[in-house]
PDB file of N, CA and C in Angstrom:
ATOM      1  N   MET A   1      32.382  75.004 -28.401  1.00  0.00           N
ATOM      2  CA  MET A   1      31.074  75.461 -28.841  1.00  0.00           C
ATOM      3  C   MET A   1      31.075  75.523 -30.363  1.00  0.00           C
ATOM      4  N   THR A   2      30.065  74.939 -30.962  1.00  0.00           N
ATOM      5  CA  THR A   2      29.985  74.955 -32.413  1.00  0.00           C
ATOM      6  C   THR A   2      29.342  76.243 -32.894  1.00  0.00           C
ATOM      7  N   GLU A   3      29.498  76.517 -34.181  1.00  0.00           N
ATOM      8  CA  GLU A   3      28.883  77.701 -34.787  1.00  0.00           C
ATOM      9  C   GLU A   3      27.372  77.682 -34.582  1.00  0.00           C
ATOM     10  N   GLU A   4      26.765  76.500 -34.715  1.00  0.00           N
ATOM     11  CA  GLU A   4      25.327  76.366 -34.556  1.00  0.00           C
ATOM     12  C   GLU A   4      24.889  76.748 -33.144  1.00  0.00           C
ATOM     13  N   ASN A   5      25.625  76.325 -32.134  1.00  0.00           N
ATOM     14  CA  ASN A   5      25.284  76.646 -30.751  1.00  0.00           C
ATOM     15  C   ASN A   5      25.454  78.124 -30.446  1.00  0.00           C
ATOM     16  N   ALA A   6      26.328  78.800 -31.150  1.00  0.00           N
ATOM     17  CA  ALA A   6      26.546  80.219 -30.921  1.00  0.00           C
ATOM     18  C   ALA A   6      25.319  81.038 -31.297  1.00  0.00           C
ATOM     19  N   THR A   7      24.450  80.507 -32.143  1.00  0.00           N
ATOM     20  CA  THR A   7      23.259  81.247 -32.561  1.00  0.00           C
ATOM     21  C   THR A   7      22.019  80.835 -31.776  1.00  0.00           C
ATOM     22  N   ASP A   8      22.186  79.989 -30.762  1.00  0.00           N
ATOM     23  CA  ASP A   8      21.051  79.581 -29.940  1.00  0.00           C
ATOM     24  C   ASP A   8      20.445  80.800 -29.256  1.00  0.00           C
ATOM     25  N   THR A   9      19.220  80.639 -28.836  1.00  0.00           N
ATOM     26  CA  THR A   9      18.489  81.727 -28.198  1.00  0.00           C
ATOM     27  C   THR A   9      18.033  81.304 -26.810  1.00  0.00           C
ATOM     28  N   LEU A  10      17.661  82.264 -26.011  1.00  0.00           N
ATOM     29  CA  LEU A  10      17.158  81.969 -24.674  1.00  0.00           C
ATOM     30  C   LEU A  10      15.679  81.593 -24.681  1.00  0.00           C
ATOM     31  N   PHE A  11      15.020  81.768 -25.812  1.00  0.00           N
ATOM     32  CA  PHE A  11      13.607  81.425 -25.931  1.00  0.00           C
ATOM     33  C   PHE A  11      13.423  79.921 -26.058  1.00  0.00           C
ATOM     34  N   GLU A  12      12.324  79.447 -25.505  1.00  0.00           N
ATOM     35  CA  GLU A  12      11.927  78.060 -25.699  1.00  0.00           C
ATOM     36  C   GLU A  12      10.766  78.061 -26.678  1.00  0.00           C
ATOM     37  N   PHE A  13      10.937  77.374 -27.782  1.00  0.00           N
ATOM     38  CA  PHE A  13       9.921  77.354 -28.823  1.00  0.00           C
ATOM     39  C   PHE A  13       9.076  76.092 -28.715  1.00  0.00           C
ATOM     40  N   PRO A  14       7.797  76.181 -29.038  1.00  0.00           N
ATOM     41  CA  PRO A  14       7.076  77.372 -29.472  1.00  0.00           C
ATOM     42  C   PRO A  14       6.788  78.297 -28.293  1.00  0.00           C
ATOM     43  N   CYS A  15       6.607  79.588 -28.605  1.00  0.00           N
ATOM     44  CA  CYS A  15       6.293  80.581 -27.585  1.00  0.00           C
ATOM     45  C   CYS A  15       5.523  81.744 -28.211  1.00  0.00           C
ATOM     46  N   GLN A  16       4.796  82.451 -27.374  1.00  0.00           N
ATOM     47  CA  GLN A  16       4.117  83.664 -27.816  1.00  0.00           C
ATOM     48  C   GLN A  16       5.157  84.769 -27.929  1.00  0.00           C
ATOM     49  N   PHE A  17       5.162  85.465 -29.069  1.00  0.00           N
ATOM     50  CA  PHE A  17       6.195  86.468 -29.310  1.00  0.00           C
ATOM     51  C   PHE A  17       5.581  87.669 -30.021  1.00  0.00           C
ATOM     52  N   PRO A  18       5.745  88.886 -29.455  1.00  0.00           N
ATOM     53  CA  PRO A  18       5.207  90.079 -30.112  1.00  0.00           C
ATOM     54  C   PRO A  18       6.171  90.609 -31.183  1.00  0.00           C
ATOM     55  N   ILE A  19       5.679  90.712 -32.401  1.00  0.00           N
ATOM     56  CA  ILE A  19       6.425  91.317 -33.500  1.00  0.00           C
ATOM     57  C   ILE A  19       5.955  92.763 -33.579  1.00  0.00           C
ATOM     58  N   LYS A  20       6.870  93.715 -33.512  1.00  0.00           N
ATOM     59  CA  LYS A  20       6.500  95.129 -33.538  1.00  0.00           C
ATOM     60  C   LYS A  20       7.151  95.802 -34.733  1.00  0.00           C
ATOM     61  N   ALA A  21       6.357  96.600 -35.438  1.00  0.00           N
ATOM     62  CA  ALA A  21       6.865  97.340 -36.590  1.00  0.00           C
ATOM     63  C   ALA A  21       6.296  98.751 -36.556  1.00  0.00           C
ATOM     64  N   LEU A  22       7.108  99.712 -36.986  1.00  0.00           N
ATOM     65  CA  LEU A  22       6.732 101.117 -36.986  1.00  0.00           C
ATOM     66  C   LEU A  22       6.885 101.674 -38.387  1.00  0.00           C
ATOM     67  N   GLY A  23       5.902 102.455 -38.807  1.00  0.00           N
ATOM     68  CA  GLY A  23       5.974 103.088 -40.114  1.00  0.00           C
ATOM     69  C   GLY A  23       5.158 104.358 -40.134  1.00  0.00           C
ATOM     70  N   LYS A  24       5.279 105.125 -41.228  1.00  0.00           N
ATOM     71  CA  LYS A  24       4.448 106.309 -41.387  1.00  0.00           C
ATOM     72  C   LYS A  24       3.004 105.856 -41.552  1.00  0.00           C
ATOM     73  N   THR A  25       2.107 106.558 -40.894  1.00  0.00           N
ATOM     74  CA  THR A  25       0.694 106.223 -40.951  1.00  0.00           C
ATOM     75  C   THR A  25       0.210 106.293 -42.401  1.00  0.00           C
ATOM     76  N   SER A  26      -0.426 105.216 -42.831  1.00  0.00           N
ATOM     77  CA  SER A  26      -1.020 105.172 -44.174  1.00  0.00           C
ATOM     78  C   SER A  26      -2.162 104.175 -44.163  1.00  0.00           C
ATOM     79  N   ALA A  27      -2.948 104.206 -45.224  1.00  0.00           N
ATOM     80  CA  ALA A  27      -4.078 103.288 -45.330  1.00  0.00           C
ATOM     81  C   ALA A  27      -3.618 101.847 -45.511  1.00  0.00           C
ATOM     82  N   THR A  28      -2.384 101.645 -45.952  1.00  0.00           N
ATOM     83  CA  THR A  28      -1.909 100.293 -46.267  1.00  0.00           C
ATOM     84  C   THR A  28      -0.907  99.717 -45.267  1.00  0.00           C
ATOM     85  N   LEU A  29      -0.447 100.502 -44.307  1.00  0.00           N
ATOM     86  CA  LEU A  29       0.616 100.026 -43.408  1.00  0.00           C
ATOM     87  C   LEU A  29       0.232  98.733 -42.695  1.00  0.00           C
ATOM     88  N   ASN A  30      -0.932  98.699 -42.053  1.00  0.00           N
ATOM     89  CA  ASN A  30      -1.346  97.472 -41.341  1.00  0.00           C
ATOM     90  C   ASN A  30      -1.397  96.283 -42.283  1.00  0.00           C
ATOM     91  N   ILE A  31      -1.972  96.478 -43.454  1.00  0.00           N
ATOM     92  CA  ILE A  31      -2.119  95.394 -44.425  1.00  0.00           C
ATOM     93  C   ILE A  31      -0.757  94.847 -44.837  1.00  0.00           C
ATOM     94  N   VAL A  32       0.188  95.735 -45.104  1.00  0.00           N
ATOM     95  CA  VAL A  32       1.532  95.326 -45.525  1.00  0.00           C
ATOM     96  C   VAL A  32       2.224  94.530 -44.425  1.00  0.00           C
ATOM     97  N   ILE A  33       2.155  95.009 -43.196  1.00  0.00           N
ATOM     98  CA  ILE A  33       2.820  94.326 -42.083  1.00  0.00           C
ATOM     99  C   ILE A  33       2.178  92.961 -41.832  1.00  0.00           C
ATOM    100  N   ILE A  34       0.860  92.900 -41.857  1.00  0.00           N
ATOM    101  CA  ILE A  34       0.170  91.620 -41.660  1.00  0.00           C
ATOM    102  C   ILE A  34       0.542  90.641 -42.770  1.00  0.00           C
ATOM    103  N   GLU A  35       0.615  91.119 -43.999  1.00  0.00           N
ATOM    104  CA  GLU A  35       0.976  90.250 -45.129  1.00  0.00           C
ATOM    105  C   GLU A  35       2.386  89.697 -44.965  1.00  0.00           C
ATOM    106  N   ILE A  36       3.311  90.529 -44.534  1.00  0.00           N
ATOM    107  CA  ILE A  36       4.693  90.083 -44.339  1.00  0.00           C
ATOM    108  C   ILE A  36       4.757  89.000 -43.261  1.00  0.00           C
ATOM    109  N   VAL A  37       4.136  89.243 -42.130  1.00  0.00           N
ATOM    110  CA  VAL A  37       4.167  88.267 -41.036  1.00  0.00           C
ATOM    111  C   VAL A  37       3.440  86.984 -41.451  1.00  0.00           C
ATOM    112  N   SER A  38       2.365  87.124 -42.217  1.00  0.00           N
ATOM    113  CA  SER A  38       1.594  85.952 -42.667  1.00  0.00           C
ATOM    114  C   SER A  38       2.401  85.010 -43.543  1.00  0.00           C
ATOM    115  N   ARG A  39       3.421  85.506 -44.195  1.00  0.00           N
ATOM    116  CA  ARG A  39       4.286  84.640 -45.012  1.00  0.00           C
ATOM    117  C   ARG A  39       4.980  83.582 -44.162  1.00  0.00           C
ATOM    118  N   HIS A  40       5.137  83.870 -42.879  1.00  0.00           N
ATOM    119  CA  HIS A  40       5.938  83.020 -41.997  1.00  0.00           C
ATOM    120  C   HIS A  40       5.140  82.355 -40.879  1.00  0.00           C
ATOM    121  N   VAL A  41       3.865  82.714 -40.762  1.00  0.00           N
ATOM    122  CA  VAL A  41       3.032  82.209 -39.678  1.00  0.00           C
ATOM    123  C   VAL A  41       1.758  81.623 -40.288  1.00  0.00           C
ATOM    124  N   ASP A  42       1.388  80.431 -39.846  1.00  0.00           N
ATOM    125  CA  ASP A  42       0.217  79.766 -40.409  1.00  0.00           C
ATOM    126  C   ASP A  42      -1.090  80.493 -40.124  1.00  0.00           C
ATOM    127  N   ASP A  43      -1.258  80.985 -38.918  1.00  0.00           N
ATOM    128  CA  ASP A  43      -2.542  81.560 -38.541  1.00  0.00           C
ATOM    129  C   ASP A  43      -2.326  82.764 -37.632  1.00  0.00           C
ATOM    130  N   ILE A  44      -2.835  83.916 -38.079  1.00  0.00           N
ATOM    131  CA  ILE A  44      -2.786  85.122 -37.242  1.00  0.00           C
ATOM    132  C   ILE A  44      -4.221  85.460 -36.859  1.00  0.00           C
ATOM    133  N   HIS A  45      -4.494  85.455 -35.578  1.00  0.00           N
ATOM    134  CA  HIS A  45      -5.829  85.789 -35.093  1.00  0.00           C
ATOM    135  C   HIS A  45      -5.997  87.304 -35.083  1.00  0.00           C
ATOM    136  N   GLU A  46      -7.186  87.749 -35.430  1.00  0.00           N
ATOM    137  CA  GLU A  46      -7.476  89.182 -35.458  1.00  0.00           C
ATOM    138  C   GLU A  46      -7.201  89.834 -34.102  1.00  0.00           C
ATOM    139  N   THR A  47      -7.428  89.101 -33.025  1.00  0.00           N
ATOM    140  CA  THR A  47      -7.207  89.645 -31.681  1.00  0.00           C
ATOM    141  C   THR A  47      -5.720  89.798 -31.359  1.00  0.00           C
ATOM    142  N   ALA A  48      -4.852  89.207 -32.173  1.00  0.00           N
ATOM    143  CA  ALA A  48      -3.408  89.281 -31.939  1.00  0.00           C
ATOM    144  C   ALA A  48      -2.786  90.521 -32.571  1.00  0.00           C
ATOM    145  N   ILE A  49      -3.600  91.319 -33.264  1.00  0.00           N
ATOM    146  CA  ILE A  49      -3.095  92.491 -33.981  1.00  0.00           C
ATOM    147  C   ILE A  49      -3.521  93.756 -33.247  1.00  0.00           C
ATOM    148  N   GLN A  50      -2.537  94.592 -32.930  1.00  0.00           N
ATOM    149  CA  GLN A  50      -2.809  95.874 -32.288  1.00  0.00           C
ATOM    150  C   GLN A  50      -2.119  96.973 -33.084  1.00  0.00           C
ATOM    151  N   SER A  51      -2.798  98.077 -33.240  1.00  0.00           N
ATOM    152  CA  SER A  51      -2.258  99.203 -33.980  1.00  0.00           C
ATOM    153  C   SER A  51      -2.431 100.452 -33.132  1.00  0.00           C
ATOM    154  N   LYS A  52      -1.358 101.246 -33.027  1.00  0.00           N
ATOM    155  CA  LYS A  52      -1.418 102.429 -32.181  1.00  0.00           C
ATOM    156  C   LYS A  52      -0.722 103.592 -32.884  1.00  0.00           C
ATOM    157  N   PRO A  53      -1.462 104.680 -33.134  1.00  0.00           N
ATOM    158  CA  PRO A  53      -0.830 105.848 -33.758  1.00  0.00           C
ATOM    159  C   PRO A  53       0.023 106.610 -32.749  1.00  0.00           C
ATOM    160  N   SER A  54       1.018 107.312 -33.255  1.00  0.00           N
ATOM    161  CA  SER A  54       1.839 108.160 -32.388  1.00  0.00           C
ATOM    162  C   SER A  54       1.002 109.348 -31.918  1.00  0.00           C
ATOM    163  N   LYS A  55       1.536 110.085 -30.985  1.00  0.00           N
ATOM    164  CA  LYS A  55       0.810 111.214 -30.405  1.00  0.00           C
ATOM    165  C   LYS A  55       0.359 112.196 -31.486  1.00  0.00           C
ATOM    166  N   GLY A  56       1.215 112.492 -32.438  1.00  0.00           N
ATOM    167  CA  GLY A  56       0.871 113.421 -33.506  1.00  0.00           C
ATOM    168  C   GLY A  56       0.180 112.761 -34.688  1.00  0.00           C
ATOM    169  N   GLY A  57       0.122 111.428 -34.705  1.00  0.00           N
ATOM    170  CA  GLY A  57      -0.552 110.703 -35.764  1.00  0.00           C
ATOM    171  C   GLY A  57       0.278 110.464 -37.014  1.00  0.00           C
ATOM    172  N   LYS A  58       1.526 110.924 -37.015  1.00  0.00           N
ATOM    173  CA  LYS A  58       2.374 110.767 -38.205  1.00  0.00           C
ATOM    174  C   LYS A  58       2.840 109.323 -38.380  1.00  0.00           C
ATOM    175  N   TYR A  59       3.026 108.613 -37.275  1.00  0.00           N
ATOM    176  CA  TYR A  59       3.529 107.241 -37.304  1.00  0.00           C
ATOM    177  C   TYR A  59       2.523 106.294 -36.652  1.00  0.00           C
ATOM    178  N   THR A  60       2.607 105.041 -37.031  1.00  0.00           N
ATOM    179  CA  THR A  60       1.770 104.007 -36.427  1.00  0.00           C
ATOM    180  C   THR A  60       2.653 102.821 -36.049  1.00  0.00           C
ATOM    181  N   ALA A  61       2.432 102.308 -34.846  1.00  0.00           N
ATOM    182  CA  ALA A  61       3.120 101.103 -34.383  1.00  0.00           C
ATOM    183  C   ALA A  61       2.130  99.942 -34.480  1.00  0.00           C
ATOM    184  N   VAL A  62       2.560  98.872 -35.117  1.00  0.00           N
ATOM    185  CA  VAL A  62       1.727  97.681 -35.269  1.00  0.00           C
ATOM    186  C   VAL A  62       2.408  96.540 -34.517  1.00  0.00           C
ATOM    187  N   THR A  63       1.666  95.883 -33.643  1.00  0.00           N
ATOM    188  CA  THR A  63       2.166  94.727 -32.905  1.00  0.00           C
ATOM    189  C   THR A  63       1.305  93.524 -33.263  1.00  0.00           C
ATOM    190  N   ILE A  64       1.980  92.447 -33.667  1.00  0.00           N
ATOM    191  CA  ILE A  64       1.290  91.191 -33.959  1.00  0.00           C
ATOM    192  C   ILE A  64       1.926  90.122 -33.078  1.00  0.00           C
ATOM    193  N   THR A  65       1.133  89.548 -32.200  1.00  0.00           N
ATOM    194  CA  THR A  65       1.637  88.487 -31.335  1.00  0.00           C
ATOM    195  C   THR A  65       1.404  87.154 -32.035  1.00  0.00           C
ATOM    196  N   ILE A  66       2.502  86.437 -32.233  1.00  0.00           N
ATOM    197  CA  ILE A  66       2.445  85.159 -32.947  1.00  0.00           C
ATOM    198  C   ILE A  66       2.907  84.028 -32.042  1.00  0.00           C
ATOM    199  N   GLU A  67       2.656  82.822 -32.472  1.00  0.00           N
ATOM    200  CA  GLU A  67       3.276  81.669 -31.830  1.00  0.00           C
ATOM    201  C   GLU A  67       4.524  81.355 -32.639  1.00  0.00           C
ATOM    202  N   ALA A  68       5.656  81.784 -32.116  1.00  0.00           N
ATOM    203  CA  ALA A  68       6.929  81.584 -32.802  1.00  0.00           C
ATOM    204  C   ALA A  68       7.373  80.146 -32.640  1.00  0.00           C
ATOM    205  N   THR A  69       7.874  79.576 -33.739  1.00  0.00           N
ATOM    206  CA  THR A  69       8.281  78.175 -33.708  1.00  0.00           C
ATOM    207  C   THR A  69       9.793  77.982 -33.743  1.00  0.00           C
ATOM    208  N   SER A  70      10.545  79.027 -34.140  1.00  0.00           N
ATOM    209  CA  SER A  70      12.001  78.894 -34.191  1.00  0.00           C
ATOM    210  C   SER A  70      12.669  80.260 -34.329  1.00  0.00           C
ATOM    211  N   LYS A  71      13.945  80.292 -34.023  1.00  0.00           N
ATOM    212  CA  LYS A  71      14.735  81.505 -34.219  1.00  0.00           C
ATOM    213  C   LYS A  71      14.814  81.843 -35.700  1.00  0.00           C
ATOM    214  N   GLN A  72      14.894  80.844 -36.543  1.00  0.00           N
ATOM    215  CA  GLN A  72      14.962  81.065 -37.991  1.00  0.00           C
ATOM    216  C   GLN A  72      13.692  81.738 -38.498  1.00  0.00           C
ATOM    217  N   GLN A  73      12.554  81.345 -37.957  1.00  0.00           N
ATOM    218  CA  GLN A  73      11.291  81.965 -38.334  1.00  0.00           C
ATOM    219  C   GLN A  73      11.305  83.450 -37.959  1.00  0.00           C
ATOM    220  N   LEU A  74      11.724  83.757 -36.740  1.00  0.00           N
ATOM    221  CA  LEU A  74      11.776  85.153 -36.297  1.00  0.00           C
ATOM    222  C   LEU A  74      12.761  85.960 -37.136  1.00  0.00           C
ATOM    223  N   ASP A  75      13.919  85.389 -37.413  1.00  0.00           N
ATOM    224  CA  ASP A  75      14.914  86.072 -38.244  1.00  0.00           C
ATOM    225  C   ASP A  75      14.346  86.403 -39.624  1.00  0.00           C
ATOM    226  N   ALA A  76      13.617  85.468 -40.207  1.00  0.00           N
ATOM    227  CA  ALA A  76      13.032  85.672 -41.537  1.00  0.00           C
ATOM    228  C   ALA A  76      11.965  86.768 -41.507  1.00  0.00           C
ATOM    229  N   ILE A  77      11.150  86.790 -40.469  1.00  0.00           N
ATOM    230  CA  ILE A  77      10.127  87.837 -40.336  1.00  0.00           C
ATOM    231  C   ILE A  77      10.793  89.198 -40.237  1.00  0.00           C
ATOM    232  N   TYR A  78      11.777  89.321 -39.348  1.00  0.00           N
ATOM    233  CA  TYR A  78      12.447  90.612 -39.170  1.00  0.00           C
ATOM    234  C   TYR A  78      13.198  91.043 -40.426  1.00  0.00           C
ATOM    235  N   GLN A  79      13.767  90.105 -41.154  1.00  0.00           N
ATOM    236  CA  GLN A  79      14.453  90.454 -42.401  1.00  0.00           C
ATOM    237  C   GLN A  79      13.457  91.013 -43.414  1.00  0.00           C
ATOM    238  N   ASP A  80      12.319  90.362 -43.562  1.00  0.00           N
ATOM    239  CA  ASP A  80      11.304  90.843 -44.505  1.00  0.00           C
ATOM    240  C   ASP A  80      10.743  92.198 -44.078  1.00  0.00           C
ATOM    241  N   LEU A  81      10.551  92.391 -42.787  1.00  0.00           N
ATOM    242  CA  LEU A  81      10.054  93.682 -42.311  1.00  0.00           C
ATOM    243  C   LEU A  81      11.063  94.802 -42.575  1.00  0.00           C
ATOM    244  N   THR A  82      12.326  94.549 -42.296  1.00  0.00           N
ATOM    245  CA  THR A  82      13.333  95.593 -42.510  1.00  0.00           C
ATOM    246  C   THR A  82      13.592  95.841 -43.993  1.00  0.00           C
ATOM    247  N   ASP A  83      13.311  94.865 -44.852  1.00  0.00           N
ATOM    248  CA  ASP A  83      13.442  95.050 -46.296  1.00  0.00           C
ATOM    249  C   ASP A  83      12.296  95.874 -46.882  1.00  0.00           C
ATOM    250  N   CYS A  84      11.193  95.982 -46.172  1.00  0.00           N
ATOM    251  CA  CYS A  84      10.012  96.695 -46.653  1.00  0.00           C
ATOM    252  C   CYS A  84      10.215  98.203 -46.511  1.00  0.00           C
ATOM    253  N   THR A  85       9.971  98.937 -47.581  1.00  0.00           N
ATOM    254  CA  THR A  85      10.187 100.386 -47.579  1.00  0.00           C
ATOM    255  C   THR A  85       9.167 101.132 -46.700  1.00  0.00           C
ATOM    256  N   GLU A  86       8.024 100.521 -46.428  1.00  0.00           N
ATOM    257  CA  GLU A  86       7.015 101.180 -45.583  1.00  0.00           C
ATOM    258  C   GLU A  86       7.314 101.047 -44.090  1.00  0.00           C
ATOM    259  N   VAL A  87       8.189 100.127 -43.740  1.00  0.00           N
ATOM    260  CA  VAL A  87       8.536  99.889 -42.333  1.00  0.00           C
ATOM    261  C   VAL A  87       9.797 100.675 -41.995  1.00  0.00           C
ATOM    262  N   ILE A  88       9.688 101.541 -41.018  1.00  0.00           N
ATOM    263  CA  ILE A  88      10.827 102.344 -40.578  1.00  0.00           C
ATOM    264  C   ILE A  88      11.694 101.569 -39.599  1.00  0.00           C
ATOM    265  N   MET A  89      11.027 100.811 -38.710  1.00  0.00           N
ATOM    266  CA  MET A  89      11.755 100.067 -37.687  1.00  0.00           C
ATOM    267  C   MET A  89      10.966  98.823 -37.303  1.00  0.00           C
ATOM    268  N   ALA A  90      11.674  97.738 -37.046  1.00  0.00           N
ATOM    269  CA  ALA A  90      11.056  96.504 -36.562  1.00  0.00           C
ATOM    270  C   ALA A  90      11.726  96.119 -35.254  1.00  0.00           C
ATOM    271  N   LEU A  91      10.917  95.788 -34.264  1.00  0.00           N
ATOM    272  CA  LEU A  91      11.443  95.431 -32.939  1.00  0.00           C
ATOM    273  C   LEU A  91      10.942  94.060 -32.533  1.00  0.00           C
TER     274      LEU A  91
END
């Protein structure tokens, strides 16, 4: 098995893939997360974006369903999300 094959994924690309990010509720959280994902995805439909506040309202979970084209694309999105100070967790 080569090094390249060791990083293969069980996903078949392209595929629909939900990107989930959690952060403290703020006026800019959705905008920041959408901007980060937009760097790696050609077109994000408004209907693909869902935002849900936590029970107490302190945190917000944002889910953006994209058409993922590769493992490298997903890795880059998650790296940018985890590098962002407004994002507490990316799933």
